Amino acid sequence: MKRTIVLSAFIFLLSAASFSQVQDSAKNDREQYSTKKNREYKTRNDDFQTLFGHNRSSGAYGAFNVGYTQIDNKQAVVLGGKFEWIVGHSLGLGFGGTGFINEYHFDANLNTDVFLTGGYGGLVIEPIFLPKFPVHLSFPVTLGAGGISYITKDWDSYHNMIEDSEVFLIAEPSAELEFNITRHFRLALGASYRFTSPFNVGSSNSVIVSSEALKGWSYLMTFKFGRF
Protein backbone atom coordinates (compact mmCIF):
# COMPACT_ATOMS: atom_id res chain seq x y z
CA MET A 1 0.00 0.00 0.00
CA LYS A 2 2.80 2.40 0.96
CA ARG A 3 4.61 1.57 -2.28
CA THR A 4 1.47 2.43 -4.24
CA ILE A 5 1.12 5.80 -2.47
CA VAL A 6 4.81 6.67 -3.01
CA LEU A 7 4.67 5.63 -6.66
CA SER A 8 1.49 7.70 -7.22
CA ALA A 9 3.08 10.75 -5.57
CA PHE A 10 6.19 10.38 -7.71
CA ILE A 11 4.12 10.16 -10.92
CA PHE A 12 2.09 13.21 -9.87
CA LEU A 13 5.21 15.30 -9.18
CA LEU A 14 6.78 14.21 -12.47
CA SER A 15 3.61 15.12 -14.38
CA ALA A 16 3.43 18.52 -12.66
CA ALA A 17 7.06 19.25 -13.52
CA SER A 18 6.52 18.25 -17.14
CA PHE A 19 3.38 20.40 -17.41
CA SER A 20 5.25 23.35 -15.92
CA GLN A 21 8.05 22.93 -18.46
CA VAL A 22 5.49 22.80 -21.29
CA GLN A 23 3.85 26.00 -20.01
CA ASP A 24 7.24 27.75 -19.72
CA SER A 25 8.18 26.62 -23.23
CA ALA A 26 4.86 27.86 -24.66
CA LYS A 27 5.29 31.19 -22.83
CA ASN A 28 8.80 31.61 -24.25
CA ASP A 29 7.52 30.80 -27.74
CA ARG A 30 4.76 33.40 -27.39
CA GLU A 31 7.23 36.02 -26.15
CA GLN A 32 9.65 35.29 -29.01
CA TYR A 33 6.81 35.48 -31.55
CA SER A 34 5.57 38.75 -30.07
CA THR A 35 9.08 40.22 -30.12
CA LYS A 36 9.54 39.16 -33.73
CA LYS A 37 6.20 40.65 -34.79
CA ASN A 38 6.98 43.92 -32.97
CA ARG A 39 10.36 44.07 -34.68
CA GLU A 40 8.72 43.45 -38.07
CA TYR A 41 6.06 46.08 -37.38
CA LYS A 42 8.71 48.64 -36.43
CA THR A 43 10.67 47.80 -39.56
CA ARG A 44 7.57 48.20 -41.72
CA ASN A 45 6.89 51.58 -40.16
CA ASP A 46 10.39 52.67 -41.17
CA ASP A 47 9.92 51.35 -44.71
CA PHE A 48 8.74 53.29 -47.71
CA GLN A 49 5.15 52.55 -48.55
CA THR A 50 4.27 51.94 -52.19
CA LEU A 51 1.04 51.16 -53.95
CA PHE A 52 2.21 47.52 -54.21
CA GLY A 53 4.25 47.04 -51.06
CA HIS A 54 7.09 48.59 -49.08
CA ASN A 55 10.33 50.20 -50.16
CA ARG A 56 13.45 50.56 -48.02
CA SER A 57 15.84 51.47 -50.81
CA SER A 58 17.69 54.76 -51.19
CA GLY A 59 20.35 56.04 -53.52
CA ALA A 60 19.78 57.51 -56.97
CA TYR A 61 17.39 57.50 -59.91
CA GLY A 62 17.09 58.42 -63.56
CA ALA A 63 13.95 59.86 -65.12
CA PHE A 64 12.45 61.05 -68.37
CA ASN A 65 9.44 63.28 -68.89
CA VAL A 66 7.07 64.40 -71.60
CA GLY A 67 4.80 67.40 -71.48
CA TYR A 68 2.81 70.17 -73.07
CA THR A 69 3.45 73.92 -73.07
CA GLN A 70 3.01 77.03 -75.17
CA ILE A 71 5.95 78.89 -76.70
CA ASP A 72 5.32 82.20 -78.45
CA ASN A 73 1.58 81.51 -77.98
CA LYS A 74 1.89 78.34 -80.08
CA GLN A 75 1.39 74.76 -78.91
CA ALA A 76 4.64 73.00 -78.09
CA VAL A 77 6.03 69.70 -76.84
CA VAL A 78 8.73 69.36 -74.18
CA LEU A 79 10.87 66.27 -73.62
CA GLY A 80 13.44 65.89 -70.89
CA GLY A 81 15.49 63.71 -68.63
CA LYS A 82 17.45 63.93 -65.41
CA PHE A 83 19.63 61.98 -63.00
CA GLU A 84 19.54 62.60 -59.25
CA TRP A 85 21.27 61.38 -56.11
CA ILE A 86 18.81 61.02 -53.20
CA VAL A 87 20.05 62.28 -49.81
CA GLY A 88 18.19 60.91 -46.80
CA HIS A 89 15.17 59.95 -48.94
CA SER A 90 13.97 63.58 -48.91
CA LEU A 91 16.35 65.63 -51.06
CA GLY A 92 17.39 65.02 -54.65
CA LEU A 93 20.51 66.60 -56.17
CA GLY A 94 21.47 66.11 -59.81
CA PHE A 95 21.44 67.32 -63.37
CA GLY A 96 18.70 67.51 -65.98
CA GLY A 97 17.92 68.75 -69.45
CA THR A 98 14.82 69.64 -71.50
CA GLY A 99 14.22 70.10 -75.22
CA PHE A 100 11.27 71.88 -76.81
CA ILE A 101 9.71 72.58 -80.20
CA ASN A 102 6.57 74.49 -81.08
CA GLU A 103 4.23 73.89 -83.99
CA TYR A 104 4.81 75.12 -87.53
CA HIS A 105 3.18 78.49 -88.18
CA PHE A 106 3.25 80.99 -91.01
CA ASP A 107 5.42 84.10 -90.76
CA ALA A 108 4.10 86.79 -93.12
CA ASN A 109 7.34 88.80 -92.91
CA LEU A 110 9.42 85.86 -94.09
CA ASN A 111 6.60 84.45 -96.24
CA THR A 112 7.23 80.90 -95.07
CA ASP A 113 6.47 78.46 -92.26
CA VAL A 114 8.60 78.79 -89.16
CA PHE A 115 9.00 77.22 -85.72
CA LEU A 116 10.96 77.73 -82.51
CA THR A 117 13.11 75.02 -81.01
CA GLY A 118 15.84 74.72 -78.41
CA GLY A 119 16.70 73.33 -75.04
CA TYR A 120 18.12 74.02 -71.60
CA GLY A 121 19.58 72.21 -68.65
CA GLY A 122 21.57 72.46 -65.47
CA LEU A 123 21.48 71.72 -61.76
CA VAL A 124 18.34 70.10 -60.31
CA ILE A 125 17.42 70.46 -56.63
CA GLU A 126 14.37 68.44 -55.51
CA PRO A 127 12.93 68.60 -51.98
CA ILE A 128 10.64 65.61 -51.39
CA PHE A 129 7.96 65.84 -48.72
CA LEU A 130 6.63 62.70 -46.92
CA PRO A 131 8.54 60.34 -49.25
CA LYS A 132 7.53 57.24 -47.25
CA PHE A 133 3.88 57.68 -48.17
CA PRO A 134 2.64 56.08 -51.41
CA VAL A 135 1.40 59.46 -52.65
CA HIS A 136 3.39 62.58 -51.78
CA LEU A 137 4.73 65.89 -53.08
CA SER A 138 8.06 67.01 -54.50
CA PHE A 139 9.26 70.42 -55.67
CA PRO A 140 12.10 70.18 -58.23
CA VAL A 141 13.91 73.33 -59.29
CA THR A 142 16.15 73.53 -62.37
CA LEU A 143 18.84 76.23 -62.53
CA GLY A 144 20.90 76.48 -65.70
CA ALA A 145 21.22 77.83 -69.21
CA GLY A 146 19.90 77.11 -72.67
CA GLY A 147 19.47 78.20 -76.25
CA ILE A 148 16.63 78.93 -78.66
CA SER A 149 16.53 79.10 -82.48
CA TYR A 150 14.06 80.58 -84.94
CA ILE A 151 13.90 78.25 -87.93
CA THR A 152 12.31 78.60 -91.34
CA LYS A 153 11.00 75.61 -93.27
CA ASP A 154 11.60 75.26 -97.01
CA TRP A 155 8.95 72.79 -98.12
CA ASP A 156 10.38 72.60 -101.65
CA SER A 157 13.83 71.42 -100.61
CA TYR A 158 12.75 70.04 -97.21
CA HIS A 159 15.60 71.96 -95.58
CA ASN A 160 15.48 73.97 -92.39
CA MET A 161 17.36 77.24 -92.04
CA ILE A 162 18.26 78.89 -88.75
CA GLU A 163 17.33 82.57 -89.00
CA ASP A 164 18.72 83.48 -85.58
CA SER A 165 19.66 81.92 -82.23
CA GLU A 166 20.14 83.22 -78.71
CA VAL A 167 21.28 81.86 -75.34
CA PHE A 168 19.68 82.51 -71.98
CA LEU A 169 19.77 81.68 -68.29
CA ILE A 170 16.80 79.85 -66.81
CA ALA A 171 15.17 79.03 -63.49
CA GLU A 172 12.31 76.54 -63.59
CA PRO A 173 10.53 75.67 -60.32
CA SER A 174 8.09 72.75 -60.39
CA ALA A 175 5.49 71.05 -58.24
CA GLU A 176 4.83 67.32 -58.61
CA LEU A 177 2.33 64.84 -57.21
CA GLU A 178 4.37 61.66 -56.97
CA PHE A 179 3.15 58.05 -56.78
CA ASN A 180 5.30 55.22 -55.40
CA ILE A 181 4.16 52.53 -57.84
CA THR A 182 6.74 49.84 -56.94
CA ARG A 183 10.06 49.72 -55.10
CA HIS A 184 11.96 51.01 -58.12
CA PHE A 185 9.39 52.97 -60.12
CA ARG A 186 7.64 56.26 -59.44
CA LEU A 187 5.21 58.26 -61.56
CA ALA A 188 4.90 62.02 -61.13
CA LEU A 189 2.33 64.47 -62.51
CA GLY A 190 3.26 68.10 -62.26
CA ALA A 191 3.60 71.61 -63.57
CA SER A 192 6.55 73.97 -63.94
CA TYR A 193 7.11 77.60 -64.84
CA ARG A 194 10.04 78.93 -66.90
CA PHE A 195 11.78 82.18 -65.90
CA THR A 196 14.51 83.30 -68.33
CA SER A 197 17.01 86.11 -68.65
CA PRO A 198 16.15 88.74 -71.32
CA PHE A 199 16.96 87.91 -74.96
CA ASN A 200 15.77 88.86 -78.44
CA VAL A 201 15.75 86.60 -81.50
CA GLY A 202 16.15 88.63 -84.70
CA SER A 203 18.10 91.70 -85.78
CA SER A 204 18.56 94.95 -83.87
CA ASN A 205 15.96 96.55 -86.14
CA SER A 206 13.49 93.68 -86.16
CA VAL A 207 12.80 91.57 -83.09
CA ILE A 208 11.15 88.32 -84.14
CA VAL A 209 10.80 86.74 -80.70
CA SER A 210 11.60 88.09 -77.24
CA SER A 211 12.27 86.22 -74.00
CA GLU A 212 8.58 86.62 -73.10
CA ALA A 213 7.82 83.95 -75.72
CA LEU A 214 9.59 81.30 -73.63
CA LYS A 215 8.22 82.21 -70.23
CA GLY A 216 5.21 80.17 -69.22
CA TRP A 217 3.79 76.96 -67.78
CA SER A 218 4.58 73.38 -68.72
CA TYR A 219 2.46 70.37 -67.73
CA LEU A 220 4.52 67.21 -67.32
CA MET A 221 4.37 63.48 -66.75
CA THR A 222 7.61 62.07 -65.34
CA PHE A 223 8.73 58.42 -65.13
CA LYS A 224 11.36 57.73 -62.47
CA PHE A 225 13.42 54.54 -62.15
CA GLY A 226 15.99 53.76 -59.48
CA ARG A 227 16.59 53.36 -55.74
CA PHE A 228 14.72 55.92 -53.71
C-alpha atoms as a PDB file:
ATOM      1  CA  MET A   1       0.000   0.000   0.000  1.00  0.00           C
ATOM      2  CA  LYS A   2       2.799   2.396   0.958  1.00  0.00           C
ATOM      3  CA  ARG A   3       4.611   1.571  -2.276  1.00  0.00           C
ATOM      4  CA  THR A   4       1.465   2.432  -4.240  1.00  0.00           C
ATOM      5  CA  ILE A   5       1.121   5.803  -2.466  1.00  0.00           C
ATOM      6  CA  VAL A   6       4.813   6.669  -3.008  1.00  0.00           C
ATOM      7  CA  LEU A   7       4.672   5.631  -6.663  1.00  0.00           C
ATOM      8  CA  SER A   8       1.493   7.698  -7.223  1.00  0.00           C
ATOM      9  CA  ALA A   9       3.077  10.746  -5.571  1.00  0.00           C
ATOM     10  CA  PHE A  10       6.185  10.383  -7.714  1.00  0.00           C
ATOM     11  CA  ILE A  11       4.124  10.157 -10.917  1.00  0.00           C
ATOM     12  CA  PHE A  12       2.085  13.211  -9.871  1.00  0.00           C
ATOM     13  CA  LEU A  13       5.213  15.299  -9.176  1.00  0.00           C
ATOM     14  CA  LEU A  14       6.784  14.205 -12.474  1.00  0.00           C
ATOM     15  CA  SER A  15       3.613  15.123 -14.384  1.00  0.00           C
ATOM     16  CA  ALA A  16       3.427  18.518 -12.662  1.00  0.00           C
ATOM     17  CA  ALA A  17       7.058  19.247 -13.515  1.00  0.00           C
ATOM     18  CA  SER A  18       6.520  18.254 -17.143  1.00  0.00           C
ATOM     19  CA  PHE A  19       3.377  20.396 -17.406  1.00  0.00           C
ATOM     20  CA  SER A  20       5.248  23.353 -15.919  1.00  0.00           C
ATOM     21  CA  GLN A  21       8.045  22.928 -18.461  1.00  0.00           C
ATOM     22  CA  VAL A  22       5.492  22.803 -21.289  1.00  0.00           C
ATOM     23  CA  GLN A  23       3.855  25.996 -20.006  1.00  0.00           C
ATOM     24  CA  ASP A  24       7.242  27.750 -19.723  1.00  0.00           C
ATOM     25  CA  SER A  25       8.178  26.621 -23.231  1.00  0.00           C
ATOM     26  CA  ALA A  26       4.862  27.864 -24.664  1.00  0.00           C
ATOM     27  CA  LYS A  27       5.292  31.192 -22.834  1.00  0.00           C
ATOM     28  CA  ASN A  28       8.800  31.612 -24.253  1.00  0.00           C
ATOM     29  CA  ASP A  29       7.520  30.805 -27.738  1.00  0.00           C
ATOM     30  CA  ARG A  30       4.755  33.396 -27.387  1.00  0.00           C
ATOM     31  CA  GLU A  31       7.233  36.023 -26.148  1.00  0.00           C
ATOM     32  CA  GLN A  32       9.651  35.287 -29.008  1.00  0.00           C
ATOM     33  CA  TYR A  33       6.813  35.478 -31.553  1.00  0.00           C
ATOM     34  CA  SER A  34       5.566  38.748 -30.068  1.00  0.00           C
ATOM     35  CA  THR A  35       9.080  40.223 -30.118  1.00  0.00           C
ATOM     36  CA  LYS A  36       9.537  39.157 -33.729  1.00  0.00           C
ATOM     37  CA  LYS A  37       6.203  40.650 -34.790  1.00  0.00           C
ATOM     38  CA  ASN A  38       6.983  43.921 -32.971  1.00  0.00           C
ATOM     39  CA  ARG A  39      10.359  44.067 -34.685  1.00  0.00           C
ATOM     40  CA  GLU A  40       8.723  43.447 -38.070  1.00  0.00           C
ATOM     41  CA  TYR A  41       6.064  46.076 -37.376  1.00  0.00           C
ATOM     42  CA  LYS A  42       8.714  48.637 -36.433  1.00  0.00           C
ATOM     43  CA  THR A  43      10.675  47.802 -39.563  1.00  0.00           C
ATOM     44  CA  ARG A  44       7.571  48.200 -41.716  1.00  0.00           C
ATOM     45  CA  ASN A  45       6.893  51.582 -40.162  1.00  0.00           C
ATOM     46  CA  ASP A  46      10.392  52.668 -41.168  1.00  0.00           C
ATOM     47  CA  ASP A  47       9.920  51.349 -44.709  1.00  0.00           C
ATOM     48  CA  PHE A  48       8.742  53.291 -47.712  1.00  0.00           C
ATOM     49  CA  GLN A  49       5.147  52.552 -48.550  1.00  0.00           C
ATOM     50  CA  THR A  50       4.270  51.941 -52.187  1.00  0.00           C
ATOM     51  CA  LEU A  51       1.037  51.160 -53.951  1.00  0.00           C
ATOM     52  CA  PHE A  52       2.206  47.519 -54.214  1.00  0.00           C
ATOM     53  CA  GLY A  53       4.254  47.035 -51.056  1.00  0.00           C
ATOM     54  CA  HIS A  54       7.094  48.591 -49.075  1.00  0.00           C
ATOM     55  CA  ASN A  55      10.332  50.203 -50.155  1.00  0.00           C
ATOM     56  CA  ARG A  56      13.453  50.562 -48.016  1.00  0.00           C
ATOM     57  CA  SER A  57      15.844  51.473 -50.812  1.00  0.00           C
ATOM     58  CA  SER A  58      17.693  54.765 -51.189  1.00  0.00           C
ATOM     59  CA  GLY A  59      20.348  56.043 -53.519  1.00  0.00           C
ATOM     60  CA  ALA A  60      19.778  57.512 -56.974  1.00  0.00           C
ATOM     61  CA  TYR A  61      17.394  57.499 -59.906  1.00  0.00           C
ATOM     62  CA  GLY A  62      17.089  58.415 -63.555  1.00  0.00           C
ATOM     63  CA  ALA A  63      13.948  59.862 -65.119  1.00  0.00           C
ATOM     64  CA  PHE A  64      12.446  61.047 -68.367  1.00  0.00           C
ATOM     65  CA  ASN A  65       9.440  63.281 -68.890  1.00  0.00           C
ATOM     66  CA  VAL A  66       7.069  64.401 -71.602  1.00  0.00           C
ATOM     67  CA  GLY A  67       4.799  67.399 -71.484  1.00  0.00           C
ATOM     68  CA  TYR A  68       2.808  70.173 -73.074  1.00  0.00           C
ATOM     69  CA  THR A  69       3.450  73.916 -73.071  1.00  0.00           C
ATOM     70  CA  GLN A  70       3.006  77.033 -75.168  1.00  0.00           C
ATOM     71  CA  ILE A  71       5.950  78.891 -76.699  1.00  0.00           C
ATOM     72  CA  ASP A  72       5.319  82.202 -78.450  1.00  0.00           C
ATOM     73  CA  ASN A  73       1.581  81.505 -77.979  1.00  0.00           C
ATOM     74  CA  LYS A  74       1.887  78.344 -80.083  1.00  0.00           C
ATOM     75  CA  GLN A  75       1.394  74.761 -78.915  1.00  0.00           C
ATOM     76  CA  ALA A  76       4.642  73.002 -78.085  1.00  0.00           C
ATOM     77  CA  VAL A  77       6.033  69.701 -76.842  1.00  0.00           C
ATOM     78  CA  VAL A  78       8.726  69.359 -74.176  1.00  0.00           C
ATOM     79  CA  LEU A  79      10.875  66.269 -73.624  1.00  0.00           C
ATOM     80  CA  GLY A  80      13.439  65.890 -70.890  1.00  0.00           C
ATOM     81  CA  GLY A  81      15.486  63.710 -68.628  1.00  0.00           C
ATOM     82  CA  LYS A  82      17.454  63.925 -65.406  1.00  0.00           C
ATOM     83  CA  PHE A  83      19.629  61.982 -63.001  1.00  0.00           C
ATOM     84  CA  GLU A  84      19.544  62.600 -59.255  1.00  0.00           C
ATOM     85  CA  TRP A  85      21.266  61.376 -56.113  1.00  0.00           C
ATOM     86  CA  ILE A  86      18.810  61.023 -53.198  1.00  0.00           C
ATOM     87  CA  VAL A  87      20.053  62.276 -49.814  1.00  0.00           C
ATOM     88  CA  GLY A  88      18.186  60.906 -46.801  1.00  0.00           C
ATOM     89  CA  HIS A  89      15.171  59.953 -48.943  1.00  0.00           C
ATOM     90  CA  SER A  90      13.970  63.576 -48.905  1.00  0.00           C
ATOM     91  CA  LEU A  91      16.351  65.635 -51.059  1.00  0.00           C
ATOM     92  CA  GLY A  92      17.391  65.018 -54.650  1.00  0.00           C
ATOM     93  CA  LEU A  93      20.515  66.603 -56.174  1.00  0.00           C
ATOM     94  CA  GLY A  94      21.474  66.110 -59.807  1.00  0.00           C
ATOM     95  CA  PHE A  95      21.438  67.320 -63.371  1.00  0.00           C
ATOM     96  CA  GLY A  96      18.704  67.505 -65.984  1.00  0.00           C
ATOM     97  CA  GLY A  97      17.917  68.747 -69.450  1.00  0.00           C
ATOM     98  CA  THR A  98      14.823  69.636 -71.501  1.00  0.00           C
ATOM     99  CA  GLY A  99      14.219  70.096 -75.215  1.00  0.00           C
ATOM    100  CA  PHE A 100      11.267  71.882 -76.812  1.00  0.00           C
ATOM    101  CA  ILE A 101       9.714  72.575 -80.200  1.00  0.00           C
ATOM    102  CA  ASN A 102       6.571  74.486 -81.080  1.00  0.00           C
ATOM    103  CA  GLU A 103       4.227  73.888 -83.988  1.00  0.00           C
ATOM    104  CA  TYR A 104       4.809  75.122 -87.531  1.00  0.00           C
ATOM    105  CA  HIS A 105       3.176  78.487 -88.183  1.00  0.00           C
ATOM    106  CA  PHE A 106       3.252  80.990 -91.015  1.00  0.00           C
ATOM    107  CA  ASP A 107       5.418  84.098 -90.759  1.00  0.00           C
ATOM    108  CA  ALA A 108       4.097  86.789 -93.119  1.00  0.00           C
ATOM    109  CA  ASN A 109       7.338  88.801 -92.905  1.00  0.00           C
ATOM    110  CA  LEU A 110       9.421  85.856 -94.086  1.00  0.00           C
ATOM    111  CA  ASN A 111       6.603  84.451 -96.240  1.00  0.00           C
ATOM    112  CA  THR A 112       7.232  80.904 -95.066  1.00  0.00           C
ATOM    113  CA  ASP A 113       6.471  78.464 -92.256  1.00  0.00           C
ATOM    114  CA  VAL A 114       8.599  78.790 -89.157  1.00  0.00           C
ATOM    115  CA  PHE A 115       8.998  77.222 -85.719  1.00  0.00           C
ATOM    116  CA  LEU A 116      10.957  77.727 -82.513  1.00  0.00           C
ATOM    117  CA  THR A 117      13.114  75.017 -81.008  1.00  0.00           C
ATOM    118  CA  GLY A 118      15.837  74.722 -78.411  1.00  0.00           C
ATOM    119  CA  GLY A 119      16.703  73.332 -75.036  1.00  0.00           C
ATOM    120  CA  TYR A 120      18.117  74.023 -71.602  1.00  0.00           C
ATOM    121  CA  GLY A 121      19.583  72.208 -68.653  1.00  0.00           C
ATOM    122  CA  GLY A 122      21.569  72.458 -65.468  1.00  0.00           C
ATOM    123  CA  LEU A 123      21.480  71.721 -61.762  1.00  0.00           C
ATOM    124  CA  VAL A 124      18.340  70.101 -60.312  1.00  0.00           C
ATOM    125  CA  ILE A 125      17.415  70.458 -56.633  1.00  0.00           C
ATOM    126  CA  GLU A 126      14.367  68.440 -55.508  1.00  0.00           C
ATOM    127  CA  PRO A 127      12.935  68.600 -51.982  1.00  0.00           C
ATOM    128  CA  ILE A 128      10.640  65.606 -51.391  1.00  0.00           C
ATOM    129  CA  PHE A 129       7.958  65.836 -48.718  1.00  0.00           C
ATOM    130  CA  LEU A 130       6.633  62.704 -46.915  1.00  0.00           C
ATOM    131  CA  PRO A 131       8.539  60.345 -49.246  1.00  0.00           C
ATOM    132  CA  LYS A 132       7.528  57.243 -47.249  1.00  0.00           C
ATOM    133  CA  PHE A 133       3.880  57.676 -48.174  1.00  0.00           C
ATOM    134  CA  PRO A 134       2.643  56.076 -51.410  1.00  0.00           C
ATOM    135  CA  VAL A 135       1.400  59.458 -52.652  1.00  0.00           C
ATOM    136  CA  HIS A 136       3.387  62.576 -51.782  1.00  0.00           C
ATOM    137  CA  LEU A 137       4.726  65.893 -53.083  1.00  0.00           C
ATOM    138  CA  SER A 138       8.065  67.005 -54.504  1.00  0.00           C
ATOM    139  CA  PHE A 139       9.262  70.422 -55.670  1.00  0.00           C
ATOM    140  CA  PRO A 140      12.100  70.175 -58.226  1.00  0.00           C
ATOM    141  CA  VAL A 141      13.914  73.335 -59.286  1.00  0.00           C
ATOM    142  CA  THR A 142      16.148  73.529 -62.375  1.00  0.00           C
ATOM    143  CA  LEU A 143      18.840  76.226 -62.532  1.00  0.00           C
ATOM    144  CA  GLY A 144      20.899  76.476 -65.696  1.00  0.00           C
ATOM    145  CA  ALA A 145      21.223  77.825 -69.214  1.00  0.00           C
ATOM    146  CA  GLY A 146      19.901  77.107 -72.672  1.00  0.00           C
ATOM    147  CA  GLY A 147      19.469  78.202 -76.248  1.00  0.00           C
ATOM    148  CA  ILE A 148      16.628  78.930 -78.662  1.00  0.00           C
ATOM    149  CA  SER A 149      16.534  79.097 -82.478  1.00  0.00           C
ATOM    150  CA  TYR A 150      14.058  80.585 -84.940  1.00  0.00           C
ATOM    151  CA  ILE A 151      13.896  78.245 -87.934  1.00  0.00           C
ATOM    152  CA  THR A 152      12.308  78.598 -91.340  1.00  0.00           C
ATOM    153  CA  LYS A 153      10.996  75.611 -93.268  1.00  0.00           C
ATOM    154  CA  ASP A 154      11.597  75.255 -97.006  1.00  0.00           C
ATOM    155  CA  TRP A 155       8.950  72.788 -98.124  1.00  0.00           C
ATOM    156  CA  ASP A 156      10.383  72.599-101.652  1.00  0.00           C
ATOM    157  CA  SER A 157      13.826  71.417-100.610  1.00  0.00           C
ATOM    158  CA  TYR A 158      12.751  70.038 -97.206  1.00  0.00           C
ATOM    159  CA  HIS A 159      15.599  71.965 -95.583  1.00  0.00           C
ATOM    160  CA  ASN A 160      15.479  73.974 -92.387  1.00  0.00           C
ATOM    161  CA  MET A 161      17.360  77.242 -92.044  1.00  0.00           C
ATOM    162  CA  ILE A 162      18.264  78.893 -88.754  1.00  0.00           C
ATOM    163  CA  GLU A 163      17.328  82.573 -88.997  1.00  0.00           C
ATOM    164  CA  ASP A 164      18.717  83.475 -85.577  1.00  0.00           C
ATOM    165  CA  SER A 165      19.660  81.920 -82.230  1.00  0.00           C
ATOM    166  CA  GLU A 166      20.141  83.216 -78.706  1.00  0.00           C
ATOM    167  CA  VAL A 167      21.280  81.864 -75.342  1.00  0.00           C
ATOM    168  CA  PHE A 168      19.675  82.513 -71.976  1.00  0.00           C
ATOM    169  CA  LEU A 169      19.766  81.678 -68.286  1.00  0.00           C
ATOM    170  CA  ILE A 170      16.797  79.851 -66.811  1.00  0.00           C
ATOM    171  CA  ALA A 171      15.169  79.031 -63.486  1.00  0.00           C
ATOM    172  CA  GLU A 172      12.308  76.536 -63.587  1.00  0.00           C
ATOM    173  CA  PRO A 173      10.529  75.667 -60.318  1.00  0.00           C
ATOM    174  CA  SER A 174       8.092  72.745 -60.395  1.00  0.00           C
ATOM    175  CA  ALA A 175       5.487  71.047 -58.239  1.00  0.00           C
ATOM    176  CA  GLU A 176       4.829  67.322 -58.606  1.00  0.00           C
ATOM    177  CA  LEU A 177       2.331  64.840 -57.206  1.00  0.00           C
ATOM    178  CA  GLU A 178       4.372  61.660 -56.965  1.00  0.00           C
ATOM    179  CA  PHE A 179       3.146  58.049 -56.779  1.00  0.00           C
ATOM    180  CA  ASN A 180       5.305  55.217 -55.399  1.00  0.00           C
ATOM    181  CA  ILE A 181       4.158  52.534 -57.844  1.00  0.00           C
ATOM    182  CA  THR A 182       6.736  49.845 -56.942  1.00  0.00           C
ATOM    183  CA  ARG A 183      10.058  49.716 -55.102  1.00  0.00           C
ATOM    184  CA  HIS A 184      11.963  51.008 -58.122  1.00  0.00           C
ATOM    185  CA  PHE A 185       9.393  52.969 -60.122  1.00  0.00           C
ATOM    186  CA  ARG A 186       7.635  56.257 -59.442  1.00  0.00           C
ATOM    187  CA  LEU A 187       5.213  58.255 -61.556  1.00  0.00           C
ATOM    188  CA  ALA A 188       4.900  62.019 -61.135  1.00  0.00           C
ATOM    189  CA  LEU A 189       2.334  64.467 -62.506  1.00  0.00           C
ATOM    190  CA  GLY A 190       3.260  68.101 -62.260  1.00  0.00           C
ATOM    191  CA  ALA A 191       3.604  71.611 -63.570  1.00  0.00           C
ATOM    192  CA  SER A 192       6.550  73.970 -63.935  1.00  0.00           C
ATOM    193  CA  TYR A 193       7.111  77.604 -64.840  1.00  0.00           C
ATOM    194  CA  ARG A 194      10.037  78.927 -66.904  1.00  0.00           C
ATOM    195  CA  PHE A 195      11.785  82.178 -65.904  1.00  0.00           C
ATOM    196  CA  THR A 196      14.509  83.303 -68.332  1.00  0.00           C
ATOM    197  CA  SER A 197      17.011  86.111 -68.653  1.00  0.00           C
ATOM    198  CA  PRO A 198      16.150  88.736 -71.322  1.00  0.00           C
ATOM    199  CA  PHE A 199      16.959  87.908 -74.956  1.00  0.00           C
ATOM    200  CA  ASN A 200      15.767  88.855 -78.444  1.00  0.00           C
ATOM    201  CA  VAL A 201      15.747  86.598 -81.504  1.00  0.00           C
ATOM    202  CA  GLY A 202      16.153  88.631 -84.703  1.00  0.00           C
ATOM    203  CA  SER A 203      18.105  91.704 -85.779  1.00  0.00           C
ATOM    204  CA  SER A 204      18.555  94.948 -83.868  1.00  0.00           C
ATOM    205  CA  ASN A 205      15.957  96.549 -86.137  1.00  0.00           C
ATOM    206  CA  SER A 206      13.493  93.675 -86.159  1.00  0.00           C
ATOM    207  CA  VAL A 207      12.802  91.566 -83.085  1.00  0.00           C
ATOM    208  CA  ILE A 208      11.154  88.323 -84.144  1.00  0.00           C
ATOM    209  CA  VAL A 209      10.801  86.744 -80.702  1.00  0.00           C
ATOM    210  CA  SER A 210      11.602  88.087 -77.236  1.00  0.00           C
ATOM    211  CA  SER A 211      12.267  86.224 -74.001  1.00  0.00           C
ATOM    212  CA  GLU A 212       8.580  86.617 -73.095  1.00  0.00           C
ATOM    213  CA  ALA A 213       7.817  83.945 -75.720  1.00  0.00           C
ATOM    214  CA  LEU A 214       9.590  81.298 -73.634  1.00  0.00           C
ATOM    215  CA  LYS A 215       8.222  82.208 -70.228  1.00  0.00           C
ATOM    216  CA  GLY A 216       5.212  80.167 -69.224  1.00  0.00           C
ATOM    217  CA  TRP A 217       3.787  76.956 -67.782  1.00  0.00           C
ATOM    218  CA  SER A 218       4.581  73.377 -68.724  1.00  0.00           C
ATOM    219  CA  TYR A 219       2.462  70.366 -67.726  1.00  0.00           C
ATOM    220  CA  LEU A 220       4.516  67.213 -67.320  1.00  0.00           C
ATOM    221  CA  MET A 221       4.373  63.482 -66.751  1.00  0.00           C
ATOM    222  CA  THR A 222       7.611  62.070 -65.345  1.00  0.00           C
ATOM    223  CA  PHE A 223       8.726  58.424 -65.131  1.00  0.00           C
ATOM    224  CA  LYS A 224      11.360  57.729 -62.470  1.00  0.00           C
ATOM    225  CA  PHE A 225      13.415  54.540 -62.150  1.00  0.00           C
ATOM    226  CA  GLY A 226      15.991  53.758 -59.477  1.00  0.00           C
ATOM    227  CA  ARG A 227      16.593  53.356 -55.743  1.00  0.00           C
ATOM    228  CA  PHE A 228      14.720  55.925 -53.711  1.00  0.00           C
END
